[in-house]
Amino acid sequence: QMAQNVAQVANAVADPEFQQAAGD
């Protein structure tokens, strides 16, 4: 589950508006 979370966040971090996702 954590690996899936990492994959989802990695896809979203590319956009500057999702910088908070880097913490996740």
PDB file of all heavy atoms in Angstrom:
ATOM      1  N   GLN A   1       0.836  -1.200   0.000  1.00  0.00           N
ATOM      2  CA  GLN A   1       0.000   0.000   0.000  1.00  0.00           C
ATOM      3  C   GLN A   1       0.872   1.252   0.000  1.00  0.00           C
ATOM      4  O   GLN A   1       0.593   2.214  -0.711  1.00  0.00           O
ATOM      5  CB  GLN A   1      -0.941  -0.003   1.209  1.00  0.00           C
ATOM      6  CG  GLN A   1      -1.862   1.203   1.248  1.00  0.00           C
ATOM      7  CD  GLN A   1      -2.770   1.284   0.033  1.00  0.00           C
ATOM      8  OE1 GLN A   1      -3.341   0.288  -0.397  1.00  0.00           O
ATOM      9  NE2 GLN A   1      -2.901   2.466  -0.531  1.00  0.00           N
ATOM     10  N   MET A   2       1.945   1.240   0.791  1.00  0.00           N
ATOM     11  CA  MET A   2       2.845   2.394   0.828  1.00  0.00           C
ATOM     12  C   MET A   2       3.525   2.597  -0.531  1.00  0.00           C
ATOM     13  O   MET A   2       3.700   3.730  -0.975  1.00  0.00           O
ATOM     14  CB  MET A   2       3.889   2.219   1.929  1.00  0.00           C
ATOM     15  CG  MET A   2       3.329   2.394   3.320  1.00  0.00           C
ATOM     16  SD  MET A   2       4.624   2.225   4.538  1.00  0.00           S
ATOM     17  CE  MET A   2       3.901   1.031   5.628  1.00  0.00           C
ATOM     18  N   ALA A   3       3.878   1.508  -1.189  1.00  0.00           N
ATOM     19  CA  ALA A   3       4.493   1.620  -2.513  1.00  0.00           C
ATOM     20  C   ALA A   3       3.517   2.233  -3.513  1.00  0.00           C
ATOM     21  O   ALA A   3       3.904   3.050  -4.357  1.00  0.00           O
ATOM     22  CB  ALA A   3       4.968   0.257  -2.989  1.00  0.00           C
ATOM     23  N   GLN A   4       2.251   1.856  -3.412  1.00  0.00           N
ATOM     24  CA  GLN A   4       1.244   2.453  -4.285  1.00  0.00           C
ATOM     25  C   GLN A   4       1.092   3.940  -3.991  1.00  0.00           C
ATOM     26  O   GLN A   4       0.949   4.748  -4.913  1.00  0.00           O
ATOM     27  CB  GLN A   4      -0.095   1.739  -4.120  1.00  0.00           C
ATOM     28  CG  GLN A   4      -0.121   0.348  -4.706  1.00  0.00           C
ATOM     29  CD  GLN A   4      -1.427  -0.380  -4.438  1.00  0.00           C
ATOM     30  OE1 GLN A   4      -2.302   0.129  -3.742  1.00  0.00           O
ATOM     31  NE2 GLN A   4      -1.552  -1.581  -4.978  1.00  0.00           N
ATOM     32  N   ASN A   5       1.136   4.309  -2.707  1.00  0.00           N
ATOM     33  CA  ASN A   5       1.066   5.724  -2.335  1.00  0.00           C
ATOM     34  C   ASN A   5       2.241   6.493  -2.925  1.00  0.00           C
ATOM     35  O   ASN A   5       2.086   7.610  -3.414  1.00  0.00           O
ATOM     36  CB  ASN A   5       1.040   5.890  -0.814  1.00  0.00           C
ATOM     37  CG  ASN A   5      -0.234   5.386  -0.196  1.00  0.00           C
ATOM     38  OD1 ASN A   5      -1.229   5.169  -0.885  1.00  0.00           O
ATOM     39  ND2 ASN A   5      -0.207   5.171   1.107  1.00  0.00           N
ATOM     40  N   VAL A   6       3.427   5.887  -2.853  1.00  0.00           N
ATOM     41  CA  VAL A   6       4.621   6.535  -3.397  1.00  0.00           C
ATOM     42  C   VAL A   6       4.462   6.745  -4.894  1.00  0.00           C
ATOM     43  O   VAL A   6       4.770   7.813  -5.426  1.00  0.00           O
ATOM     44  CB  VAL A   6       5.881   5.704  -3.079  1.00  0.00           C
ATOM     45  CG1 VAL A   6       7.080   6.194  -3.874  1.00  0.00           C
ATOM     46  CG2 VAL A   6       6.181   5.744  -1.585  1.00  0.00           C
ATOM     47  N   ALA A   7       3.947   5.751  -5.596  1.00  0.00           N
ATOM     48  CA  ALA A   7       3.770   5.865  -7.041  1.00  0.00           C
ATOM     49  C   ALA A   7       2.763   6.955  -7.397  1.00  0.00           C
ATOM     50  O   ALA A   7       2.975   7.728  -8.328  1.00  0.00           O
ATOM     51  CB  ALA A   7       3.333   4.531  -7.624  1.00  0.00           C
ATOM     52  N   GLN A   8       1.677   7.027  -6.644  1.00  0.00           N
ATOM     53  CA  GLN A   8       0.668   8.048  -6.915  1.00  0.00           C
ATOM     54  C   GLN A   8       1.222   9.449  -6.664  1.00  0.00           C
ATOM     55  O   GLN A   8       0.995  10.363  -7.448  1.00  0.00           O
ATOM     56  CB  GLN A   8      -0.561   7.823  -6.033  1.00  0.00           C
ATOM     57  CG  GLN A   8      -1.383   6.631  -6.438  1.00  0.00           C
ATOM     58  CD  GLN A   8      -2.520   6.366  -5.462  1.00  0.00           C
ATOM     59  OE1 GLN A   8      -2.572   6.939  -4.383  1.00  0.00           O
ATOM     60  NE2 GLN A   8      -3.426   5.477  -5.841  1.00  0.00           N
ATOM     61  N   VAL A   9       1.944   9.601  -5.581  1.00  0.00           N
ATOM     62  CA  VAL A   9       2.495  10.913  -5.245  1.00  0.00           C
ATOM     63  C   VAL A   9       3.573  11.305  -6.243  1.00  0.00           C
ATOM     64  O   VAL A   9       3.659  12.459  -6.658  1.00  0.00           O
ATOM     65  CB  VAL A   9       3.038  10.923  -3.793  1.00  0.00           C
ATOM     66  CG1 VAL A   9       3.795  12.204  -3.502  1.00  0.00           C
ATOM     67  CG2 VAL A   9       1.893  10.762  -2.817  1.00  0.00           C
ATOM     68  N   ALA A  10       4.391  10.358  -6.651  1.00  0.00           N
ATOM     69  CA  ALA A  10       5.458  10.651  -7.609  1.00  0.00           C
ATOM     70  C   ALA A  10       4.874  11.183  -8.916  1.00  0.00           C
ATOM     71  O   ALA A  10       5.452  12.072  -9.542  1.00  0.00           O
ATOM     72  CB  ALA A  10       6.286   9.407  -7.865  1.00  0.00           C
ATOM     73  N   ASN A  11       3.730  10.683  -9.321  1.00  0.00           N
ATOM     74  CA  ASN A  11       3.088  11.165 -10.541  1.00  0.00           C
ATOM     75  C   ASN A  11       2.535  12.574 -10.359  1.00  0.00           C
ATOM     76  O   ASN A  11       2.486  13.365 -11.296  1.00  0.00           O
ATOM     77  CB  ASN A  11       1.967  10.213 -10.961  1.00  0.00           C
ATOM     78  CG  ASN A  11       2.497   8.890 -11.461  1.00  0.00           C
ATOM     79  OD1 ASN A  11       3.614   8.803 -11.949  1.00  0.00           O
ATOM     80  ND2 ASN A  11       1.701   7.854 -11.322  1.00  0.00           N
ATOM     81  N   ALA A  12       2.107  12.907  -9.156  1.00  0.00           N
ATOM     82  CA  ALA A  12       1.472  14.199  -8.904  1.00  0.00           C
ATOM     83  C   ALA A  12       2.473  15.305  -8.594  1.00  0.00           C
ATOM     84  O   ALA A  12       2.180  16.482  -8.786  1.00  0.00           O
ATOM     85  CB  ALA A  12       0.472  14.077  -7.764  1.00  0.00           C
ATOM     86  N   VAL A  13       3.665  14.966  -8.110  1.00  0.00           N
ATOM     87  CA  VAL A  13       4.625  15.973  -7.656  1.00  0.00           C
ATOM     88  C   VAL A  13       5.169  16.803  -8.815  1.00  0.00           C
ATOM     89  O   VAL A  13       5.649  17.914  -8.607  1.00  0.00           O
ATOM     90  CB  VAL A  13       5.765  15.297  -6.864  1.00  0.00           C
ATOM     91  CG1 VAL A  13       6.899  16.259  -6.555  1.00  0.00           C
ATOM     92  CG2 VAL A  13       5.224  14.736  -5.571  1.00  0.00           C
ATOM     93  N   ALA A  14       5.056  16.327 -10.017  1.00  0.00           N
ATOM     94  CA  ALA A  14       5.580  17.061 -11.160  1.00  0.00           C
ATOM     95  C   ALA A  14       4.910  18.433 -11.309  1.00  0.00           C
ATOM     96  O   ALA A  14       5.537  19.376 -11.778  1.00  0.00           O
ATOM     97  CB  ALA A  14       5.405  16.245 -12.435  1.00  0.00           C
ATOM     98  N   ASP A  15       3.670  18.565 -10.904  1.00  0.00           N
ATOM     99  CA  ASP A  15       2.971  19.845 -10.970  1.00  0.00           C
ATOM    100  C   ASP A  15       3.292  20.682  -9.734  1.00  0.00           C
ATOM    101  O   ASP A  15       3.220  20.190  -8.614  1.00  0.00           O
ATOM    102  CB  ASP A  15       1.454  19.635 -11.044  1.00  0.00           C
ATOM    103  CG  ASP A  15       1.024  18.967 -12.337  1.00  0.00           C
ATOM    104  OD1 ASP A  15       1.738  19.152 -13.347  1.00  0.00           O
ATOM    105  OD2 ASP A  15      -0.008  18.274 -12.330  1.00  0.00           O
ATOM    106  N   PRO A  16       3.629  21.960  -9.924  1.00  0.00           N
ATOM    107  CA  PRO A  16       3.963  22.811  -8.767  1.00  0.00           C
ATOM    108  C   PRO A  16       2.829  22.936  -7.754  1.00  0.00           C
ATOM    109  O   PRO A  16       3.079  23.122  -6.576  1.00  0.00           O
ATOM    110  CB  PRO A  16       4.278  24.168  -9.392  1.00  0.00           C
ATOM    111  CG  PRO A  16       4.535  23.908 -10.825  1.00  0.00           C
ATOM    112  CD  PRO A  16       3.798  22.648 -11.188  1.00  0.00           C
ATOM    113  N   GLU A  17       1.590  22.814  -8.198  1.00  0.00           N
ATOM    114  CA  GLU A  17       0.472  22.958  -7.268  1.00  0.00           C
ATOM    115  C   GLU A  17       0.362  21.784  -6.304  1.00  0.00           C
ATOM    116  O   GLU A  17      -0.350  21.844  -5.312  1.00  0.00           O
ATOM    117  CB  GLU A  17      -0.840  23.137  -8.028  1.00  0.00           C
ATOM    118  CG  GLU A  17      -1.210  21.948  -8.894  1.00  0.00           C
ATOM    119  CD  GLU A  17      -2.413  22.224  -9.784  1.00  0.00           C
ATOM    120  OE1 GLU A  17      -2.535  23.351 -10.286  1.00  0.00           O
ATOM    121  OE2 GLU A  17      -3.207  21.299  -9.967  1.00  0.00           O
ATOM    122  N   PHE A  18       1.084  20.706  -6.580  1.00  0.00           N
ATOM    123  CA  PHE A  18       1.041  19.532  -5.718  1.00  0.00           C
ATOM    124  C   PHE A  18       2.307  19.391  -4.865  1.00  0.00           C
ATOM    125  O   PHE A  18       2.700  18.290  -4.493  1.00  0.00           O
ATOM    126  CB  PHE A  18       0.852  18.263  -6.555  1.00  0.00           C
ATOM    127  CG  PHE A  18      -0.470  18.203  -7.260  1.00  0.00           C
ATOM    128  CD1 PHE A  18      -0.532  18.225  -8.643  1.00  0.00           C
ATOM    129  CD2 PHE A  18      -1.653  18.124  -6.544  1.00  0.00           C
ATOM    130  CE1 PHE A  18      -1.751  18.169  -9.293  1.00  0.00           C
ATOM    131  CE2 PHE A  18      -2.870  18.068  -7.188  1.00  0.00           C
ATOM    132  CZ  PHE A  18      -2.922  18.090  -8.565  1.00  0.00           C
ATOM    133  N   GLN A  19       2.946  20.487  -4.528  1.00  0.00           N
ATOM    134  CA  GLN A  19       4.175  20.431  -3.740  1.00  0.00           C
ATOM    135  C   GLN A  19       3.934  19.833  -2.356  1.00  0.00           C
ATOM    136  O   GLN A  19       4.826  19.234  -1.777  1.00  0.00           O
ATOM    137  CB  GLN A  19       4.804  21.818  -3.615  1.00  0.00           C
ATOM    138  CG  GLN A  19       5.377  22.340  -4.915  1.00  0.00           C
ATOM    139  CD  GLN A  19       6.486  21.449  -5.453  1.00  0.00           C
ATOM    140  OE1 GLN A  19       7.329  20.996  -4.700  1.00  0.00           O
ATOM    141  NE2 GLN A  19       6.473  21.206  -6.746  1.00  0.00           N
ATOM    142  N   GLN A  20       2.730  19.983  -1.814  1.00  0.00           N
ATOM    143  CA  GLN A  20       2.414  19.397  -0.518  1.00  0.00           C
ATOM    144  C   GLN A  20       2.498  17.878  -0.588  1.00  0.00           C
ATOM    145  O   GLN A  20       2.793  17.216   0.409  1.00  0.00           O
ATOM    146  CB  GLN A  20       1.023  19.817  -0.066  1.00  0.00           C
ATOM    147  CG  GLN A  20       0.646  19.273   1.301  1.00  0.00           C
ATOM    148  CD  GLN A  20      -0.754  19.716   1.713  1.00  0.00           C
ATOM    149  OE1 GLN A  20      -1.416  20.441   0.981  1.00  0.00           O
ATOM    150  NE2 GLN A  20      -1.187  19.280   2.875  1.00  0.00           N
ATOM    151  N   ALA A  21       2.270  17.326  -1.760  1.00  0.00           N
ATOM    152  CA  ALA A  21       2.335  15.876  -1.921  1.00  0.00           C
ATOM    153  C   ALA A  21       3.740  15.349  -1.678  1.00  0.00           C
ATOM    154  O   ALA A  21       3.906  14.177  -1.336  1.00  0.00           O
ATOM    155  CB  ALA A  21       1.863  15.486  -3.318  1.00  0.00           C
ATOM    156  N   ALA A  22       4.746  16.194  -1.835  1.00  0.00           N
ATOM    157  CA  ALA A  22       6.116  15.746  -1.571  1.00  0.00           C
ATOM    158  C   ALA A  22       6.265  15.302  -0.120  1.00  0.00           C
ATOM    159  O   ALA A  22       6.991  14.347   0.175  1.00  0.00           O
ATOM    160  CB  ALA A  22       7.100  16.864  -1.892  1.00  0.00           C
ATOM    161  N   GLY A  23       5.563  15.953   0.783  1.00  0.00           N
ATOM    162  CA  GLY A  23       5.580  15.534   2.185  1.00  0.00           C
ATOM    163  C   GLY A  23       4.985  14.146   2.357  1.00  0.00           C
ATOM    164  O   GLY A  23       5.467  13.346   3.162  1.00  0.00           O
ATOM    165  N   ASP A  24       3.944  13.848   1.575  1.00  0.00           N
ATOM    166  CA  ASP A  24       3.315  12.526   1.648  1.00  0.00           C
ATOM    167  C   ASP A  24       4.267  11.431   1.180  1.00  0.00           C
ATOM    168  O   ASP A  24       4.310  10.353   1.762  1.00  0.00           O
ATOM    169  CB  ASP A  24       2.043  12.494   0.805  1.00  0.00           C
ATOM    170  CG  ASP A  24       0.948  13.385   1.350  1.00  0.00           C
ATOM    171  OD1 ASP A  24       1.002  13.704   2.559  1.00  0.00           O
ATOM    172  OD2 ASP A  24       0.047  13.763   0.570  1.00  0.00           O
TER     173      ASP A  24
END
